[in-house]
Amino acid sequence: MKHISKLTTGLFLLIFHLSTFSAAAQQEMSGSDAFWERLSQHCGKTFAGEVTTPMGPNDQFAGKTLVMHVRSCDPERITIPFFVGEDKSRTWVLTREAGGRIKLKHDHRHEDGSEDEITQYGGVSANTGMAGLQFFPADQETADLIPYAANNVWWITVDDKSFTYNLRRVGAHANSQYVLT
C-alpha cells in the first residue's frame, strides 16, 4: 500500500511540475511570439469587413467590401492577400526578424504578377509588442520610396474572432481602420 501511495504522490508531483513548467513557459513567451501564434491559428481562414474610420472623404477603400485571407503560415512568414472590392493587388507579408521583432510589408502586384512601382513598404515592430497587438513604424525603405509615408505607423490587432488593420499618418491628422471578422 505504501508503494502505491508513493507512486501516486510521485505521479502527482510530476504532473504538478509539468503543469508549472508549462504555465511558466507560456508566461515567458514574448508578445511577438504570442501574436505570431495567435495569428497562425487563423491560417486558412477568410475574414470580411469594412473601413470603420475612413482616411478622408476620398478614401479609396470606403464603401468597398474588404476581404483578407490568412493564406500561408510558415514558422517565419505569414502572407495575407487583401482584396478591396474587385482589386486583388495587395498582400500583407509578415516576417519574423531577429530579436523577436516582426516585419510588415505591403506587396502590391499588377494583374500579370509583376511588382507595382509602389511596393514592399512597411516597417518592423519597435519591440516585441503584445499578444494581440503589434505596431509597425515606417522603415527607411518606406521613407525613401514614399516620402509622405515616412511617419506612418501601422498596427494590427488580432484575437479569436477579429483582425484589425490600422494606419496612422503621424502629422497628417489621418487615421484609417479596417475591421475584419
C-alpha atoms as a PDB file:
ATOM      1  CA  MET A   1       0.000   0.000   0.000  1.00  0.00           C
ATOM      2  CA  LYS A   2       2.857   2.402   0.864  1.00  0.00           C
ATOM      3  CA  HIS A   3       4.379   1.634  -2.562  1.00  0.00           C
ATOM      4  CA  ILE A   4       1.137   2.673  -4.320  1.00  0.00           C
ATOM      5  CA  SER A   5       0.877   5.777  -2.161  1.00  0.00           C
ATOM      6  CA  LYS A   6       4.470   6.784  -3.011  1.00  0.00           C
ATOM      7  CA  LEU A   7       3.777   6.114  -6.691  1.00  0.00           C
ATOM      8  CA  THR A   8       0.618   8.218  -6.585  1.00  0.00           C
ATOM      9  CA  THR A   9       2.445  11.008  -4.779  1.00  0.00           C
ATOM     10  CA  GLY A  10       5.293  10.803  -7.308  1.00  0.00           C
ATOM     11  CA  LEU A  11       2.874  10.996 -10.246  1.00  0.00           C
ATOM     12  CA  PHE A  12       1.064  13.934  -8.673  1.00  0.00           C
ATOM     13  CA  LEU A  13       4.343  15.789  -8.167  1.00  0.00           C
ATOM     14  CA  LEU A  14       5.415  15.038 -11.745  1.00  0.00           C
ATOM     15  CA  ILE A  15       2.097  16.315 -13.119  1.00  0.00           C
ATOM     16  CA  PHE A  16       2.303  19.369 -10.856  1.00  0.00           C
ATOM     17  CA  HIS A  17       5.847  20.155 -12.018  1.00  0.00           C
ATOM     18  CA  LEU A  18       4.921  19.681 -15.683  1.00  0.00           C
ATOM     19  CA  SER A  19       1.913  21.965 -15.373  1.00  0.00           C
ATOM     20  CA  THR A  20       4.002  24.551 -13.523  1.00  0.00           C
ATOM     21  CA  PHE A  21       6.668  24.322 -16.244  1.00  0.00           C
ATOM     22  CA  SER A  22       4.013  24.692 -18.938  1.00  0.00           C
ATOM     23  CA  ALA A  23       2.484  27.753 -17.245  1.00  0.00           C
ATOM     24  CA  ALA A  24       5.939  29.283 -16.775  1.00  0.00           C
ATOM     25  CA  ALA A  25       6.804  28.648 -20.428  1.00  0.00           C
ATOM     26  CA  GLN A  26       3.595  30.371 -21.530  1.00  0.00           C
ATOM     27  CA  GLN A  27       4.349  33.347 -19.289  1.00  0.00           C
ATOM     28  CA  GLU A  28       7.853  33.594 -20.765  1.00  0.00           C
ATOM     29  CA  MET A  29       6.537  33.707 -24.353  1.00  0.00           C
ATOM     30  CA  SER A  30       7.287  37.123 -25.812  1.00  0.00           C
ATOM     31  CA  GLY A  31       4.500  39.325 -27.080  1.00  0.00           C
ATOM     32  CA  SER A  32       5.617  38.808 -30.667  1.00  0.00           C
ATOM     33  CA  ASP A  33       5.716  35.018 -30.266  1.00  0.00           C
ATOM     34  CA  ALA A  34       2.236  35.021 -28.736  1.00  0.00           C
ATOM     35  CA  PHE A  35       0.997  37.340 -31.528  1.00  0.00           C
ATOM     36  CA  TRP A  36       2.511  35.057 -34.178  1.00  0.00           C
ATOM     37  CA  GLU A  37       0.895  32.017 -32.587  1.00  0.00           C
ATOM     38  CA  ARG A  38      -2.480  33.772 -32.360  1.00  0.00           C
ATOM     39  CA  LEU A  39      -2.340  34.936 -35.990  1.00  0.00           C
ATOM     40  CA  SER A  40      -1.198  31.482 -37.155  1.00  0.00           C
ATOM     41  CA  GLN A  41      -4.334  29.977 -35.604  1.00  0.00           C
ATOM     42  CA  HIS A  42      -6.291  31.834 -38.315  1.00  0.00           C
ATOM     43  CA  CYS A  43      -4.330  30.250 -41.167  1.00  0.00           C
ATOM     44  CA  GLY A  44      -6.709  29.127 -43.896  1.00  0.00           C
ATOM     45  CA  LYS A  45      -9.480  31.434 -42.707  1.00  0.00           C
ATOM     46  CA  THR A  46     -11.071  34.305 -44.597  1.00  0.00           C
ATOM     47  CA  PHE A  47     -12.290  37.497 -42.955  1.00  0.00           C
ATOM     48  CA  ALA A  48     -14.543  40.162 -44.466  1.00  0.00           C
ATOM     49  CA  GLY A  49     -15.069  43.665 -43.208  1.00  0.00           C
ATOM     50  CA  GLU A  50     -15.184  47.343 -43.928  1.00  0.00           C
ATOM     51  CA  VAL A  51     -13.443  50.612 -43.297  1.00  0.00           C
ATOM     52  CA  THR A  52     -14.705  51.839 -39.932  1.00  0.00           C
ATOM     53  CA  THR A  53     -12.624  55.012 -39.916  1.00  0.00           C
ATOM     54  CA  PRO A  54     -12.058  56.368 -43.436  1.00  0.00           C
ATOM     55  CA  MET A  55      -8.860  58.279 -44.155  1.00  0.00           C
ATOM     56  CA  GLY A  56     -10.955  61.142 -45.514  1.00  0.00           C
ATOM     57  CA  PRO A  57     -13.775  61.952 -47.925  1.00  0.00           C
ATOM     58  CA  ASN A  58     -11.843  60.476 -50.869  1.00  0.00           C
ATOM     59  CA  ASP A  59     -10.706  57.263 -49.141  1.00  0.00           C
ATOM     60  CA  GLN A  60     -10.410  54.727 -51.979  1.00  0.00           C
ATOM     61  CA  PHE A  61     -11.395  51.866 -49.638  1.00  0.00           C
ATOM     62  CA  ALA A  62     -14.523  53.471 -48.151  1.00  0.00           C
ATOM     63  CA  GLY A  63     -17.754  51.717 -49.074  1.00  0.00           C
ATOM     64  CA  LYS A  64     -15.974  48.714 -50.596  1.00  0.00           C
ATOM     65  CA  THR A  65     -16.033  45.162 -49.338  1.00  0.00           C
ATOM     66  CA  LEU A  66     -12.707  44.251 -47.749  1.00  0.00           C
ATOM     67  CA  VAL A  67     -11.648  40.598 -47.673  1.00  0.00           C
ATOM     68  CA  MET A  68      -8.455  39.094 -46.291  1.00  0.00           C
ATOM     69  CA  HIS A  69      -7.246  35.510 -46.493  1.00  0.00           C
ATOM     70  CA  VAL A  70      -4.696  34.245 -43.981  1.00  0.00           C
ATOM     71  CA  ARG A  71      -3.212  32.184 -46.768  1.00  0.00           C
ATOM     72  CA  SER A  72       0.163  30.756 -45.834  1.00  0.00           C
ATOM     73  CA  CYS A  73       1.593  30.401 -42.365  1.00  0.00           C
ATOM     74  CA  ASP A  74       5.176  29.260 -42.158  1.00  0.00           C
ATOM     75  CA  PRO A  75       7.201  29.445 -38.944  1.00  0.00           C
ATOM     76  CA  GLU A  76       8.959  32.575 -40.250  1.00  0.00           C
ATOM     77  CA  ARG A  77       6.459  34.104 -42.728  1.00  0.00           C
ATOM     78  CA  ILE A  78       2.701  34.706 -42.943  1.00  0.00           C
ATOM     79  CA  THR A  79       1.086  36.046 -46.122  1.00  0.00           C
ATOM     80  CA  ILE A  80      -2.357  37.644 -46.146  1.00  0.00           C
ATOM     81  CA  PRO A  81      -3.841  38.583 -49.520  1.00  0.00           C
ATOM     82  CA  PHE A  82      -6.092  41.618 -49.027  1.00  0.00           C
ATOM     83  CA  PHE A  83      -8.864  42.429 -51.515  1.00  0.00           C
ATOM     84  CA  VAL A  84     -10.549  45.817 -51.814  1.00  0.00           C
ATOM     85  CA  GLY A  85     -13.710  45.306 -53.854  1.00  0.00           C
ATOM     86  CA  GLU A  86     -12.535  43.693 -57.101  1.00  0.00           C
ATOM     87  CA  ASP A  87      -8.917  44.862 -56.608  1.00  0.00           C
ATOM     88  CA  LYS A  88      -6.803  41.845 -55.618  1.00  0.00           C
ATOM     89  CA  SER A  89      -3.406  43.536 -55.944  1.00  0.00           C
ATOM     90  CA  ARG A  90      -2.425  43.666 -52.263  1.00  0.00           C
ATOM     91  CA  THR A  91      -0.785  41.185 -49.907  1.00  0.00           C
ATOM     92  CA  TRP A  92       0.363  41.833 -46.364  1.00  0.00           C
ATOM     93  CA  VAL A  93       3.554  39.908 -45.637  1.00  0.00           C
ATOM     94  CA  LEU A  94       4.652  39.386 -42.040  1.00  0.00           C
ATOM     95  CA  THR A  95       8.126  38.022 -41.377  1.00  0.00           C
ATOM     96  CA  ARG A  96       9.828  37.128 -38.115  1.00  0.00           C
ATOM     97  CA  GLU A  97      13.006  39.091 -37.514  1.00  0.00           C
ATOM     98  CA  ALA A  98      15.918  38.709 -35.117  1.00  0.00           C
ATOM     99  CA  GLY A  99      15.322  39.817 -31.548  1.00  0.00           C
ATOM    100  CA  GLY A 100      11.646  38.806 -31.519  1.00  0.00           C
ATOM    101  CA  ARG A 101      10.508  41.579 -33.831  1.00  0.00           C
ATOM    102  CA  ILE A 102       8.070  41.243 -36.732  1.00  0.00           C
ATOM    103  CA  LYS A 103       8.314  42.952 -40.122  1.00  0.00           C
ATOM    104  CA  LEU A 104       5.190  44.040 -42.034  1.00  0.00           C
ATOM    105  CA  LYS A 105       5.487  44.689 -45.768  1.00  0.00           C
ATOM    106  CA  HIS A 106       2.826  45.612 -48.308  1.00  0.00           C
ATOM    107  CA  ASP A 107       3.338  43.650 -51.517  1.00  0.00           C
ATOM    108  CA  HIS A 108       1.493  45.296 -54.434  1.00  0.00           C
ATOM    109  CA  ARG A 109       1.270  43.481 -57.764  1.00  0.00           C
ATOM    110  CA  HIS A 110      -0.237  44.064 -61.199  1.00  0.00           C
ATOM    111  CA  GLU A 111      -2.666  41.530 -62.662  1.00  0.00           C
ATOM    112  CA  ASP A 112       0.217  39.854 -64.529  1.00  0.00           C
ATOM    113  CA  GLY A 113       2.054  39.280 -61.217  1.00  0.00           C
ATOM    114  CA  SER A 114       4.742  41.905 -61.753  1.00  0.00           C
ATOM    115  CA  GLU A 115       5.527  44.272 -58.895  1.00  0.00           C
ATOM    116  CA  ASP A 116       3.821  47.640 -58.747  1.00  0.00           C
ATOM    117  CA  GLU A 117       6.051  50.705 -58.667  1.00  0.00           C
ATOM    118  CA  ILE A 118       4.956  51.318 -55.062  1.00  0.00           C
ATOM    119  CA  THR A 119       5.506  48.044 -53.204  1.00  0.00           C
ATOM    120  CA  GLN A 120       7.400  46.496 -50.290  1.00  0.00           C
ATOM    121  CA  TYR A 121       6.763  49.401 -47.963  1.00  0.00           C
ATOM    122  CA  GLY A 122       6.072  48.926 -44.258  1.00  0.00           C
ATOM    123  CA  GLY A 123       8.095  48.615 -41.114  1.00  0.00           C
ATOM    124  CA  VAL A 124       9.457  46.484 -38.309  1.00  0.00           C
ATOM    125  CA  SER A 125       7.893  46.318 -34.869  1.00  0.00           C
ATOM    126  CA  ALA A 126       9.726  48.633 -32.487  1.00  0.00           C
ATOM    127  CA  ASN A 127       9.716  45.994 -29.738  1.00  0.00           C
ATOM    128  CA  THR A 128       8.141  42.595 -29.097  1.00  0.00           C
ATOM    129  CA  GLY A 129       4.678  44.120 -28.665  1.00  0.00           C
ATOM    130  CA  MET A 130       1.796  42.216 -27.120  1.00  0.00           C
ATOM    131  CA  ALA A 131      -0.047  39.001 -27.889  1.00  0.00           C
ATOM    132  CA  GLY A 132      -2.960  40.814 -29.517  1.00  0.00           C
ATOM    133  CA  LEU A 133      -1.255  43.960 -30.807  1.00  0.00           C
ATOM    134  CA  GLN A 134       1.805  44.835 -32.889  1.00  0.00           C
ATOM    135  CA  PHE A 135       2.949  48.291 -34.058  1.00  0.00           C
ATOM    136  CA  PHE A 136       4.996  48.826 -37.234  1.00  0.00           C
ATOM    137  CA  PRO A 137       6.543  52.291 -37.677  1.00  0.00           C
ATOM    138  CA  ALA A 138       7.625  53.076 -41.248  1.00  0.00           C
ATOM    139  CA  ASP A 139      11.155  51.941 -42.056  1.00  0.00           C
ATOM    140  CA  GLN A 140      13.795  53.754 -44.106  1.00  0.00           C
ATOM    141  CA  GLU A 141      12.869  51.810 -47.255  1.00  0.00           C
ATOM    142  CA  THR A 142       9.350  53.224 -46.940  1.00  0.00           C
ATOM    143  CA  ALA A 143      10.621  56.770 -46.353  1.00  0.00           C
ATOM    144  CA  ASP A 144      12.801  56.508 -49.472  1.00  0.00           C
ATOM    145  CA  LEU A 145      10.002  55.020 -51.602  1.00  0.00           C
ATOM    146  CA  ILE A 146       7.080  57.149 -50.369  1.00  0.00           C
ATOM    147  CA  PRO A 147       8.379  60.293 -48.623  1.00  0.00           C
ATOM    148  CA  TYR A 148       4.910  61.315 -47.345  1.00  0.00           C
ATOM    149  CA  ALA A 149       4.652  57.918 -45.603  1.00  0.00           C
ATOM    150  CA  ALA A 150       7.892  58.327 -43.629  1.00  0.00           C
ATOM    151  CA  ASN A 151       5.916  58.927 -40.427  1.00  0.00           C
ATOM    152  CA  ASN A 152       3.317  56.197 -40.977  1.00  0.00           C
ATOM    153  CA  VAL A 153       2.592  53.754 -38.202  1.00  0.00           C
ATOM    154  CA  TRP A 154       0.625  50.604 -38.960  1.00  0.00           C
ATOM    155  CA  TRP A 155      -0.731  48.330 -36.290  1.00  0.00           C
ATOM    156  CA  ILE A 156      -2.550  45.045 -36.304  1.00  0.00           C
ATOM    157  CA  THR A 157      -4.756  43.616 -33.609  1.00  0.00           C
ATOM    158  CA  VAL A 158      -5.853  40.008 -33.625  1.00  0.00           C
ATOM    159  CA  ASP A 159      -7.984  37.896 -31.328  1.00  0.00           C
ATOM    160  CA  ASP A 160     -10.090  34.749 -31.635  1.00  0.00           C
ATOM    161  CA  LYS A 161     -12.771  36.428 -33.758  1.00  0.00           C
ATOM    162  CA  SER A 162     -11.390  39.531 -35.439  1.00  0.00           C
ATOM    163  CA  PHE A 163      -8.443  41.178 -37.136  1.00  0.00           C
ATOM    164  CA  THR A 164      -7.975  44.917 -37.408  1.00  0.00           C
ATOM    165  CA  TYR A 165      -5.511  46.699 -39.642  1.00  0.00           C
ATOM    166  CA  ASN A 166      -4.842  50.307 -38.757  1.00  0.00           C
ATOM    167  CA  LEU A 167      -2.865  53.139 -40.286  1.00  0.00           C
ATOM    168  CA  ARG A 168      -1.914  56.421 -38.662  1.00  0.00           C
ATOM    169  CA  ARG A 169      -0.232  59.075 -40.752  1.00  0.00           C
ATOM    170  CA  VAL A 170       1.514  60.945 -37.970  1.00  0.00           C
ATOM    171  CA  GLY A 171       1.371  64.689 -38.534  1.00  0.00           C
ATOM    172  CA  ALA A 172      -1.280  64.387 -41.238  1.00  0.00           C
ATOM    173  CA  HIS A 173      -4.251  64.060 -38.862  1.00  0.00           C
ATOM    174  CA  ALA A 174      -5.334  60.994 -40.786  1.00  0.00           C
ATOM    175  CA  ASN A 175      -6.255  57.591 -39.447  1.00  0.00           C
ATOM    176  CA  SER A 176      -7.759  54.587 -41.071  1.00  0.00           C
ATOM    177  CA  GLN A 177      -9.077  51.411 -39.524  1.00  0.00           C
ATOM    178  CA  TYR A 178     -10.293  48.245 -41.223  1.00  0.00           C
ATOM    179  CA  VAL A 179     -12.100  45.688 -39.065  1.00  0.00           C
ATOM    180  CA  LEU A 180     -12.416  42.194 -40.487  1.00  0.00           C
ATOM    181  CA  THR A 181     -14.284  39.438 -38.682  1.00  0.00           C
END
